[in-house]
Amino acid sequence: MSLEISNDSPSERFRDLVARAFVEILGDDLQYGPWTVILRSEPRILSVVMTGPGHRREEWAFNLEHSRVQGPEEWAAQLRQRIRPDYGRSKR
């Protein structure tokens, strides 16, 4: 299993929640290659970039100021909802 997460200082508060969300969502797929998640935060936007085996790459931007999301837990739930349709289980 390989999941590497890097972040800048402002996005540190999301790191553990993002790690748990990706492990839950990707599940068994983690064993099929290296996965990388990069978190970057601007004043109002959190950017999440995920790369995986082969050419898998997804990017999400979360507006932290105007979102209904109140804290890291709610944000992680929103991340799960966005990722789950594409990454519930890969087709092998």
C-alpha atoms as a PDB file:
ATOM      1  CA  MET A   1       0.000   0.000   0.000  1.00  0.00           C
ATOM      2  CA  SER A   2       1.336   3.404  -0.932  1.00  0.00           C
ATOM      3  CA  LEU A   3      -0.462   6.653  -0.212  1.00  0.00           C
ATOM      4  CA  GLU A   4       1.665   9.763   0.057  1.00  0.00           C
ATOM      5  CA  ILE A   5       0.090  13.052   1.090  1.00  0.00           C
ATOM      6  CA  SER A   6       1.873  16.372   0.933  1.00  0.00           C
ATOM      7  CA  ASN A   7       0.454  19.672   2.070  1.00  0.00           C
ATOM      8  CA  ASP A   8       1.287  23.284   2.759  1.00  0.00           C
ATOM      9  CA  SER A   9       0.932  24.762   6.257  1.00  0.00           C
ATOM     10  CA  PRO A  10      -2.607  26.190   5.837  1.00  0.00           C
ATOM     11  CA  SER A  11      -3.981  22.827   4.646  1.00  0.00           C
ATOM     12  CA  GLU A  12      -2.388  20.821   7.490  1.00  0.00           C
ATOM     13  CA  ARG A  13      -5.701  20.683   9.387  1.00  0.00           C
ATOM     14  CA  PHE A  14      -7.182  18.618   6.535  1.00  0.00           C
ATOM     15  CA  ARG A  15      -4.302  16.123   6.180  1.00  0.00           C
ATOM     16  CA  ASP A  16      -5.455  13.308   8.510  1.00  0.00           C
ATOM     17  CA  LEU A  17      -9.081  13.565   7.409  1.00  0.00           C
ATOM     18  CA  VAL A  18      -8.081  13.452   3.748  1.00  0.00           C
ATOM     19  CA  ALA A  19      -5.867  10.413   4.389  1.00  0.00           C
ATOM     20  CA  ARG A  20      -8.710   8.534   6.104  1.00  0.00           C
ATOM     21  CA  ALA A  21     -11.166   9.502   3.344  1.00  0.00           C
ATOM     22  CA  PHE A  22      -8.856   8.270   0.574  1.00  0.00           C
ATOM     23  CA  VAL A  23      -8.058   4.994   2.371  1.00  0.00           C
ATOM     24  CA  GLU A  24     -11.792   4.393   2.867  1.00  0.00           C
ATOM     25  CA  ILE A  25     -12.704   5.284  -0.712  1.00  0.00           C
ATOM     26  CA  LEU A  26      -9.841   3.559  -2.536  1.00  0.00           C
ATOM     27  CA  GLY A  27      -9.772   0.497  -0.269  1.00  0.00           C
ATOM     28  CA  ASP A  28      -8.237  -2.474  -2.071  1.00  0.00           C
ATOM     29  CA  ASP A  29      -7.201  -0.298  -5.016  1.00  0.00           C
ATOM     30  CA  LEU A  30      -4.362   1.120  -2.900  1.00  0.00           C
ATOM     31  CA  GLN A  31      -2.422  -2.113  -3.302  1.00  0.00           C
ATOM     32  CA  TYR A  32      -2.203  -1.722  -7.080  1.00  0.00           C
ATOM     33  CA  GLY A  33       0.309   1.095  -7.198  1.00  0.00           C
ATOM     34  CA  PRO A  34       1.468   4.395  -5.759  1.00  0.00           C
ATOM     35  CA  TRP A  35      -1.100   7.057  -4.946  1.00  0.00           C
ATOM     36  CA  THR A  36      -0.246  10.685  -4.257  1.00  0.00           C
ATOM     37  CA  VAL A  37      -2.447  13.420  -2.845  1.00  0.00           C
ATOM     38  CA  ILE A  38      -1.359  17.054  -2.788  1.00  0.00           C
ATOM     39  CA  LEU A  39      -3.194  19.618  -0.671  1.00  0.00           C
ATOM     40  CA  ARG A  40      -2.684  23.319  -1.304  1.00  0.00           C
ATOM     41  CA  SER A  41      -4.548  26.126   0.356  1.00  0.00           C
ATOM     42  CA  GLU A  42      -5.132  29.690  -0.718  1.00  0.00           C
ATOM     43  CA  PRO A  43      -7.094  32.118   1.451  1.00  0.00           C
ATOM     44  CA  ARG A  44     -10.489  30.755   0.352  1.00  0.00           C
ATOM     45  CA  ILE A  45      -9.742  27.685  -1.771  1.00  0.00           C
ATOM     46  CA  LEU A  46      -8.432  24.242  -0.890  1.00  0.00           C
ATOM     47  CA  SER A  47      -7.019  22.387  -3.867  1.00  0.00           C
ATOM     48  CA  VAL A  48      -6.793  18.581  -3.785  1.00  0.00           C
ATOM     49  CA  VAL A  49      -4.891  16.746  -6.532  1.00  0.00           C
ATOM     50  CA  MET A  50      -4.825  12.946  -6.610  1.00  0.00           C
ATOM     51  CA  THR A  51      -2.643  10.850  -8.886  1.00  0.00           C
ATOM     52  CA  GLY A  52      -2.644   7.093  -9.068  1.00  0.00           C
ATOM     53  CA  PRO A  53      -1.288   4.188 -11.059  1.00  0.00           C
ATOM     54  CA  GLY A  54      -1.023   4.706 -14.774  1.00  0.00           C
ATOM     55  CA  HIS A  55      -2.439   8.019 -15.844  1.00  0.00           C
ATOM     56  CA  ARG A  56      -5.088   8.456 -13.148  1.00  0.00           C
ATOM     57  CA  ARG A  57      -5.343  12.071 -12.064  1.00  0.00           C
ATOM     58  CA  GLU A  58      -8.191  13.993 -10.496  1.00  0.00           C
ATOM     59  CA  GLU A  59      -8.362  17.533  -9.177  1.00  0.00           C
ATOM     60  CA  TRP A  60     -10.900  19.165  -6.913  1.00  0.00           C
ATOM     61  CA  ALA A  61     -11.202  22.711  -5.612  1.00  0.00           C
ATOM     62  CA  PHE A  62     -13.208  23.496  -2.509  1.00  0.00           C
ATOM     63  CA  ASN A  63     -14.360  27.024  -1.733  1.00  0.00           C
ATOM     64  CA  LEU A  64     -13.884  27.140   2.019  1.00  0.00           C
ATOM     65  CA  GLU A  65     -15.417  30.571   2.468  1.00  0.00           C
ATOM     66  CA  HIS A  66     -18.755  30.209   0.653  1.00  0.00           C
ATOM     67  CA  SER A  67     -19.263  26.529   1.188  1.00  0.00           C
ATOM     68  CA  ARG A  68     -21.782  25.011   3.528  1.00  0.00           C
ATOM     69  CA  VAL A  69     -18.835  23.107   4.977  1.00  0.00           C
ATOM     70  CA  GLN A  70     -18.207  24.257   8.529  1.00  0.00           C
ATOM     71  CA  GLY A  71     -15.126  22.250   9.501  1.00  0.00           C
ATOM     72  CA  PRO A  72     -12.698  19.517   8.493  1.00  0.00           C
ATOM     73  CA  GLU A  73     -15.122  16.649   9.219  1.00  0.00           C
ATOM     74  CA  GLU A  74     -17.827  18.126   7.019  1.00  0.00           C
ATOM     75  CA  TRP A  75     -15.257  18.837   4.329  1.00  0.00           C
ATOM     76  CA  ALA A  76     -14.021  15.220   4.397  1.00  0.00           C
ATOM     77  CA  ALA A  77     -17.626  14.032   3.956  1.00  0.00           C
ATOM     78  CA  GLN A  78     -17.972  16.318   0.936  1.00  0.00           C
ATOM     79  CA  LEU A  79     -14.715  14.927  -0.470  1.00  0.00           C
ATOM     80  CA  ARG A  80     -16.024  11.362  -0.098  1.00  0.00           C
ATOM     81  CA  GLN A  81     -19.199  12.313  -1.988  1.00  0.00           C
ATOM     82  CA  ARG A  82     -17.213  13.846  -4.847  1.00  0.00           C
ATOM     83  CA  ILE A  83     -14.739  10.983  -5.181  1.00  0.00           C
ATOM     84  CA  ARG A  84     -16.959   7.972  -4.560  1.00  0.00           C
ATOM     85  CA  PRO A  85     -18.689   7.944  -7.993  1.00  0.00           C
ATOM     86  CA  ASP A  86     -15.316   7.717  -9.783  1.00  0.00           C
ATOM     87  CA  TYR A  87     -13.284   5.711  -7.299  1.00  0.00           C
ATOM     88  CA  GLY A  88     -15.554   3.328  -5.407  1.00  0.00           C
ATOM     89  CA  ARG A  89     -13.869   0.279  -6.906  1.00  0.00           C
ATOM     90  CA  SER A  90     -11.807   0.134 -10.045  1.00  0.00           C
ATOM     91  CA  LYS A  91     -12.693  -2.287 -12.812  1.00  0.00           C
ATOM     92  CA  ARG A  92     -10.050  -4.962 -13.178  1.00  0.00           C
END
